Amino acid sequence: MVDTVFVVIGDVMVDDIAPLATPLILDHDNPVHFHRIFGGQGANTSAWLATQTRGSGHGAVHLVGAVGSDSEAAWVTEQLVARDITPRVQTTDDPTGRCVIVVAPDGGRTMYPDAGANTSMTLDHVREQFQHVLATTPPPALCHVHLSGYFLARLPDVAKTFLHDLPEDVTVSIDASALVLDAQQRFDLLQVAASCHVFVANRVELTTVMNPRGAQPVTVGQDSDVPASVESSLEESVDKMISQTGFGGVLVVKDGSNGAHAVHDGAWLHVPARDVVVVDTTGAGDAFTAGFLAEWTSSPTPAASRMTDEALIAALEAGTDLAAQAVTRTGGNPG
């Protein structure tokens, strides 16, 4: 196993989880017992990655993000450090991001995010923090950069400029976001994804991004009530992604109860979902991504050699196992 240092660039949030004991009743009180945890796609993925690297000699996890100059910033930073994550956060004039997450009895969740400081991170900060990690990563350790889709959607110029300057030996992955994407954001995502080694999305995220221009906007990441305009087959969406962008890396599709898929160089691989009792689906995708990347980067071979069927199946299995752990607990991180 080779050491890999992970640099995750993405959102840092304070999540207030509101688990409903009964289905939501509109226009009535719906009593809950709030749970406060740290969250955000970037922070959650980092936390799950740390569970895979802790004590294994398999590198370290750095989270590049932004917070406010408030008590929430101090609290969330402490939480990250306690989970073996090195927080490389920029303090901005905006408040630390917050999200209220309402969890239905069946585990489905609806999010109400306030991005706050996550929209204020600067290119200088991202570059400086990455260069510091790179300078302190001795050979033969490798460096892997993972981008949260929220980072790209909110700060596309920062993300694209940063990626343009990366050394060739640094591998890169990106995970799609659960935002409503406009045409420009879809274009940015596909442009960046085409230059990555690994692109991760769930079924609805992928079909939404690959919609023709003018299709009705939908909430990416929602598993039900999908408009007919995005009910194209998964195979069609994958074909469009590859043909329209020239993507030559690994396309990973998280498919909920149907398991997960990886597509590369004409091969289509699949592993089934685990049979577990679902408590909360928040962060399950982040856990999957972390498990997949931890396994995929564990090989000492160059990135191109990690694209074998055996290597990708092992990574899919690792991601699926970690996602199964995530859905059996409340909240988007491992606690």
Protein backbone atom coordinates (compact mmCIF):
# COMPACT_ATOMS: atom_id res chain seq x y z
CA MET A 1 0.00 0.00 0.00
CA VAL A 2 1.32 3.43 -0.96
CA ASP A 3 0.86 6.57 1.11
CA THR A 4 -1.59 9.01 -0.43
CA VAL A 5 -2.19 12.49 0.91
CA PHE A 6 -5.73 13.66 0.21
CA VAL A 7 -6.55 17.32 -0.36
CA VAL A 8 -10.32 17.79 -0.29
CA ILE A 9 -11.54 21.19 -1.47
CA GLY A 10 -15.12 21.93 -0.58
CA ASP A 11 -17.81 23.18 1.70
CA VAL A 12 -17.68 23.29 5.48
CA MET A 13 -21.04 23.55 7.22
CA VAL A 14 -22.76 23.24 10.57
CA ASP A 15 -25.67 20.83 10.13
CA ASP A 16 -28.78 20.89 12.27
CA ILE A 17 -30.44 17.50 11.78
CA ALA A 18 -34.20 17.32 12.31
CA PRO A 19 -35.36 13.66 12.26
CA LEU A 20 -39.13 13.33 11.89
CA ALA A 21 -40.84 10.58 13.86
CA THR A 22 -43.82 10.64 11.48
CA PRO A 23 -44.27 11.82 7.89
CA LEU A 24 -44.24 15.60 7.43
CA ILE A 25 -47.62 17.26 7.94
CA LEU A 26 -47.80 20.59 6.12
CA ASP A 27 -49.24 23.62 7.95
CA HIS A 28 -48.83 21.89 11.33
CA ASP A 29 -46.14 21.61 13.99
CA ASN A 30 -43.79 18.69 13.42
CA PRO A 31 -41.84 18.23 16.68
CA VAL A 32 -38.21 17.09 16.39
CA HIS A 33 -35.12 16.71 18.56
CA PHE A 34 -32.34 18.59 16.76
CA HIS A 35 -28.84 17.10 16.48
CA ARG A 36 -25.94 19.43 15.66
CA ILE A 37 -22.98 18.03 13.73
CA PHE A 38 -20.47 19.38 11.24
CA GLY A 39 -21.35 18.85 7.60
CA GLY A 40 -20.96 19.92 4.01
CA GLN A 41 -19.90 17.64 1.17
CA GLY A 42 -16.24 18.55 1.57
CA ALA A 43 -16.18 18.04 5.33
CA ASN A 44 -18.21 14.83 5.22
CA THR A 45 -16.05 13.27 2.52
CA SER A 46 -12.95 14.22 4.50
CA ALA A 47 -14.32 12.65 7.65
CA TRP A 48 -15.14 9.37 5.93
CA LEU A 49 -11.74 9.38 4.21
CA ALA A 50 -10.07 9.78 7.60
CA THR A 51 -11.79 6.61 8.83
CA GLN A 52 -10.08 4.73 5.99
CA THR A 53 -6.63 6.25 6.43
CA ARG A 54 -6.44 6.37 10.23
CA GLY A 55 -3.80 4.00 11.54
CA SER A 56 -3.16 2.48 8.14
CA GLY A 57 -0.16 4.51 7.06
CA HIS A 58 -2.24 5.43 4.02
CA GLY A 59 -1.57 9.16 4.00
CA ALA A 60 -3.43 12.03 5.59
CA VAL A 61 -6.52 14.14 4.92
CA HIS A 62 -6.47 17.92 4.46
CA LEU A 63 -9.67 19.94 4.03
CA VAL A 64 -9.41 23.28 2.22
CA GLY A 65 -12.47 25.42 2.87
CA ALA A 66 -13.82 28.62 4.37
CA VAL A 67 -15.56 29.60 7.61
CA GLY A 68 -16.67 32.79 9.32
CA SER A 69 -15.16 34.59 12.29
CA ASP A 70 -17.79 33.20 14.63
CA SER A 71 -18.25 30.59 17.34
CA GLU A 72 -19.50 28.05 14.80
CA ALA A 73 -16.14 28.27 13.01
CA ALA A 74 -14.21 27.44 16.17
CA TRP A 75 -16.57 24.57 16.97
CA VAL A 76 -16.47 22.98 13.52
CA THR A 77 -12.68 23.31 13.34
CA GLU A 78 -12.34 21.47 16.65
CA GLN A 79 -14.64 18.74 15.36
CA LEU A 80 -12.53 18.27 12.24
CA VAL A 81 -9.24 18.10 14.14
CA ALA A 82 -10.73 15.53 16.52
CA ARG A 83 -11.35 13.28 13.50
CA ASP A 84 -7.76 13.40 12.20
CA ILE A 85 -8.50 15.99 9.51
CA THR A 86 -6.18 18.95 8.99
CA PRO A 87 -8.50 21.92 8.45
CA ARG A 88 -6.98 24.51 6.12
CA VAL A 89 -9.79 27.01 6.35
CA GLN A 90 -9.94 30.63 5.32
CA THR A 91 -11.69 33.02 7.72
CA THR A 92 -14.04 35.32 5.83
CA ASP A 93 -16.45 38.13 6.69
CA ASP A 94 -19.40 35.87 5.91
CA PRO A 95 -20.79 33.56 8.59
CA THR A 96 -19.92 29.88 8.69
CA GLY A 97 -22.24 27.90 6.42
CA ARG A 98 -25.25 26.23 7.98
CA CYS A 99 -27.75 23.66 6.84
CA VAL A 100 -31.03 22.42 8.31
CA ILE A 101 -31.65 18.81 7.25
CA VAL A 102 -35.12 17.33 7.71
CA VAL A 103 -34.99 13.52 7.73
CA ALA A 104 -38.17 11.59 6.96
CA PRO A 105 -39.00 8.30 8.73
CA ASP A 106 -37.87 6.34 5.64
CA GLY A 107 -34.43 7.96 5.76
CA GLY A 108 -35.00 10.40 2.91
CA ARG A 109 -33.75 13.92 3.58
CA THR A 110 -34.48 17.48 2.49
CA MET A 111 -31.79 20.14 2.95
CA TYR A 112 -32.06 23.88 3.54
CA PRO A 113 -28.50 25.19 3.13
CA ASP A 114 -27.07 28.65 3.72
CA ALA A 115 -23.65 28.50 2.05
CA GLY A 116 -22.29 31.49 3.99
CA ALA A 117 -18.49 31.61 3.95
CA ASN A 118 -18.30 28.80 1.40
CA THR A 119 -19.00 31.35 -1.35
CA SER A 120 -16.07 33.58 -0.29
CA MET A 121 -13.04 31.28 -0.53
CA THR A 122 -10.30 32.80 -2.69
CA LEU A 123 -7.98 31.33 -5.29
CA ASP A 124 -4.95 32.58 -3.35
CA HIS A 125 -6.07 30.61 -0.30
CA VAL A 126 -6.64 27.40 -2.26
CA ARG A 127 -3.29 27.67 -4.02
CA GLU A 128 -1.36 28.52 -0.87
CA GLN A 129 -2.83 25.64 1.13
CA PHE A 130 -2.29 23.13 -1.65
CA GLN A 131 1.30 24.21 -2.18
CA HIS A 132 1.96 23.83 1.55
CA VAL A 133 0.61 20.27 1.48
CA LEU A 134 2.61 19.46 -1.63
CA ALA A 135 5.81 20.86 -0.16
CA THR A 136 5.44 18.74 2.97
CA THR A 137 4.58 15.50 1.17
CA PRO A 138 7.84 13.55 0.81
CA PRO A 139 8.30 10.97 -1.97
CA PRO A 140 7.17 8.34 -2.64
CA ALA A 141 3.86 9.51 -1.18
CA LEU A 142 1.26 10.55 -3.75
CA CYS A 143 -1.19 13.44 -3.69
CA HIS A 144 -4.84 13.20 -4.65
CA VAL A 145 -7.11 16.24 -4.99
CA HIS A 146 -10.85 15.77 -4.55
CA LEU A 147 -13.25 18.57 -5.45
CA SER A 148 -16.71 18.97 -4.00
CA GLY A 149 -19.26 19.77 -6.68
CA TYR A 150 -20.50 22.62 -4.49
CA PHE A 151 -17.08 24.28 -4.68
CA LEU A 152 -17.18 24.19 -8.46
CA ALA A 153 -20.80 25.35 -8.69
CA ARG A 154 -20.27 28.30 -6.34
CA LEU A 155 -16.73 29.30 -7.32
CA PRO A 156 -16.19 28.02 -10.88
CA ASP A 157 -13.39 30.42 -11.80
CA VAL A 158 -11.43 29.53 -8.65
CA ALA A 159 -11.85 25.80 -9.28
CA LYS A 160 -10.94 25.89 -12.97
CA THR A 161 -7.91 28.13 -12.51
CA PHE A 162 -6.61 25.99 -9.66
CA LEU A 163 -6.94 22.78 -11.66
CA HIS A 164 -5.19 24.29 -14.65
CA ASP A 165 -1.98 24.70 -12.64
CA LEU A 166 -1.86 21.26 -11.00
CA PRO A 167 1.24 19.08 -11.46
CA GLU A 168 0.70 16.16 -13.84
CA ASP A 169 1.41 13.52 -11.18
CA VAL A 170 -1.48 14.70 -8.98
CA THR A 171 -4.66 12.68 -9.50
CA VAL A 172 -8.01 14.47 -9.38
CA SER A 173 -11.62 13.51 -8.70
CA ILE A 174 -14.87 15.45 -8.48
CA ASP A 175 -18.23 14.59 -6.97
CA ALA A 176 -21.38 16.20 -8.39
CA SER A 177 -23.48 18.37 -6.08
CA ALA A 178 -27.13 18.31 -5.05
CA LEU A 179 -27.74 21.86 -6.27
CA VAL A 180 -30.17 23.00 -8.93
CA LEU A 181 -27.73 23.59 -11.78
CA ASP A 182 -28.23 26.23 -14.44
CA ALA A 183 -26.83 25.86 -17.96
CA GLN A 184 -23.51 27.53 -17.13
CA GLN A 185 -23.01 25.40 -14.03
CA ARG A 186 -23.69 22.25 -16.04
CA PHE A 187 -21.13 23.36 -18.62
CA ASP A 188 -18.56 24.11 -15.90
CA LEU A 189 -19.10 20.70 -14.31
CA LEU A 190 -18.64 18.83 -17.57
CA GLN A 191 -15.61 20.92 -18.52
CA VAL A 192 -13.89 20.18 -15.23
CA ALA A 193 -15.01 16.54 -15.13
CA ALA A 194 -13.42 15.94 -18.53
CA SER A 195 -9.99 16.72 -17.07
CA CYS A 196 -10.38 14.54 -13.96
CA HIS A 197 -9.31 10.96 -13.39
CA VAL A 198 -12.54 10.09 -11.54
CA PHE A 199 -16.00 11.66 -11.89
CA VAL A 200 -18.63 10.61 -9.34
CA ALA A 201 -22.37 11.31 -9.56
CA ASN A 202 -25.59 9.60 -8.65
CA ARG A 203 -28.02 8.47 -11.34
CA VAL A 204 -30.24 11.55 -11.20
CA GLU A 205 -27.32 13.96 -11.01
CA LEU A 206 -25.83 12.46 -14.14
CA THR A 207 -29.07 12.38 -16.14
CA THR A 208 -29.83 15.96 -15.09
CA VAL A 209 -26.42 17.26 -16.12
CA MET A 210 -26.71 15.51 -19.49
CA ASN A 211 -30.15 16.96 -20.25
CA PRO A 212 -30.38 18.91 -23.49
CA ARG A 213 -30.40 22.68 -23.17
CA GLY A 214 -33.79 24.04 -22.23
CA ALA A 215 -34.86 21.03 -20.19
CA GLN A 216 -36.83 21.76 -17.07
CA PRO A 217 -34.54 22.39 -14.06
CA VAL A 218 -34.69 19.69 -11.41
CA THR A 219 -33.22 19.25 -7.98
CA VAL A 220 -30.15 17.11 -8.53
CA GLY A 221 -29.87 14.30 -6.02
CA GLN A 222 -33.59 13.81 -5.49
CA ASP A 223 -34.59 10.19 -6.04
CA SER A 224 -38.29 10.68 -6.69
CA ASP A 225 -40.66 12.92 -8.65
CA VAL A 226 -38.15 13.28 -11.46
CA PRO A 227 -39.63 15.06 -14.49
CA ALA A 228 -39.99 12.95 -17.62
CA SER A 229 -37.38 15.15 -19.31
CA VAL A 230 -34.64 13.55 -17.22
CA GLU A 231 -35.90 9.97 -17.30
CA SER A 232 -33.35 8.96 -19.91
CA SER A 233 -31.61 5.67 -19.32
CA LEU A 234 -28.40 5.52 -17.36
CA GLU A 235 -26.65 4.04 -20.37
CA GLU A 236 -27.73 6.97 -22.55
CA SER A 237 -26.48 9.48 -20.00
CA VAL A 238 -23.12 7.73 -19.71
CA ASP A 239 -22.75 7.63 -23.50
CA LYS A 240 -23.53 11.35 -23.74
CA MET A 241 -21.07 12.19 -21.00
CA ILE A 242 -18.24 10.37 -22.74
CA SER A 243 -19.04 11.42 -26.30
CA GLN A 244 -19.68 15.10 -25.53
CA THR A 245 -16.70 15.67 -23.24
CA GLY A 246 -14.14 13.13 -24.40
CA PHE A 247 -13.92 11.94 -20.81
CA GLY A 248 -11.33 9.18 -20.53
CA GLY A 249 -11.26 8.57 -16.79
CA VAL A 250 -13.45 6.47 -14.53
CA LEU A 251 -17.14 7.44 -14.48
CA VAL A 252 -18.66 6.27 -11.21
CA VAL A 253 -22.43 6.25 -10.73
CA LYS A 254 -23.99 5.89 -7.29
CA ASP A 255 -27.33 4.19 -7.83
CA GLY A 256 -28.91 3.97 -4.38
CA SER A 257 -30.60 0.63 -3.71
CA ASN A 258 -29.32 -0.57 -7.11
CA GLY A 259 -25.72 -0.39 -5.94
CA ALA A 260 -22.96 1.38 -7.88
CA HIS A 261 -21.43 1.33 -11.35
CA ALA A 262 -18.04 2.19 -12.84
CA VAL A 263 -17.51 2.78 -16.55
CA HIS A 264 -14.09 2.96 -18.18
CA ASP A 265 -12.75 2.20 -21.64
CA GLY A 266 -15.89 0.36 -22.70
CA ALA A 267 -16.13 -1.81 -19.57
CA TRP A 268 -19.26 -1.48 -17.42
CA LEU A 269 -18.83 -2.77 -13.88
CA HIS A 270 -21.44 -3.08 -11.13
CA VAL A 271 -21.68 -4.05 -7.47
CA PRO A 272 -24.98 -4.47 -5.60
CA ALA A 273 -26.06 -2.38 -2.63
CA ARG A 274 -25.73 -3.83 0.86
CA ASP A 275 -28.85 -5.05 2.64
CA VAL A 276 -29.14 -2.73 5.65
CA VAL A 277 -31.86 -0.88 7.54
CA VAL A 278 -31.79 2.74 6.35
CA VAL A 279 -31.96 5.40 9.07
CA ASP A 280 -30.71 8.50 7.26
CA THR A 281 -29.36 8.82 3.70
CA THR A 282 -27.57 12.11 4.45
CA GLY A 283 -23.91 11.81 3.48
CA ALA A 284 -24.20 8.28 2.06
CA GLY A 285 -22.83 9.50 -1.25
CA ASP A 286 -19.93 11.22 0.48
CA ALA A 287 -19.12 8.02 2.36
CA PHE A 288 -19.22 6.05 -0.89
CA THR A 289 -16.86 8.50 -2.56
CA ALA A 290 -14.43 8.31 0.35
CA GLY A 291 -14.41 4.52 0.35
CA PHE A 292 -13.94 4.37 -3.41
CA LEU A 293 -11.07 6.88 -3.44
CA ALA A 294 -9.27 5.35 -0.47
CA GLU A 295 -9.19 1.98 -2.23
CA TRP A 296 -8.51 3.37 -5.72
CA THR A 297 -5.48 5.37 -4.55
CA SER A 298 -4.02 2.53 -2.49
CA SER A 299 -2.24 1.01 -5.47
CA PRO A 300 1.39 2.08 -6.03
CA THR A 301 0.85 1.91 -9.79
CA PRO A 302 0.23 5.02 -11.95
CA ALA A 303 -3.34 6.19 -12.37
CA ALA A 304 -3.72 4.50 -15.75
CA SER A 305 -2.90 1.12 -14.20
CA ARG A 306 -5.59 1.54 -11.56
CA MET A 307 -8.25 1.33 -14.26
CA THR A 308 -8.29 -2.48 -14.45
CA ASP A 309 -11.60 -4.23 -13.83
CA GLU A 310 -10.26 -5.83 -10.65
CA ALA A 311 -9.07 -2.51 -9.22
CA LEU A 312 -12.33 -0.75 -10.02
CA ILE A 313 -14.49 -3.55 -8.60
CA ALA A 314 -12.46 -3.42 -5.37
CA ALA A 315 -12.98 0.35 -5.19
CA LEU A 316 -16.73 -0.01 -5.85
CA GLU A 317 -16.98 -2.62 -3.11
CA ALA A 318 -15.13 -0.38 -0.65
CA GLY A 319 -17.37 2.57 -1.46
CA THR A 320 -20.54 0.50 -1.18
CA ASP A 321 -19.46 -0.91 2.19
CA LEU A 322 -18.83 2.57 3.60
CA ALA A 323 -22.11 3.94 2.22
CA ALA A 324 -23.93 1.08 3.95
CA GLN A 325 -22.38 2.17 7.24
CA ALA A 326 -23.44 5.76 6.62
CA VAL A 327 -27.15 5.08 6.07
CA THR A 328 -27.48 3.17 9.34
CA ARG A 329 -26.75 6.29 11.42
CA THR A 330 -28.12 9.83 11.72
CA GLY A 331 -26.10 12.57 10.07
CA GLY A 332 -23.73 12.86 7.15
CA ASN A 333 -20.43 12.04 8.84
CA PRO A 334 -19.10 9.05 10.81
CA GLY A 335 -19.37 10.82 14.17
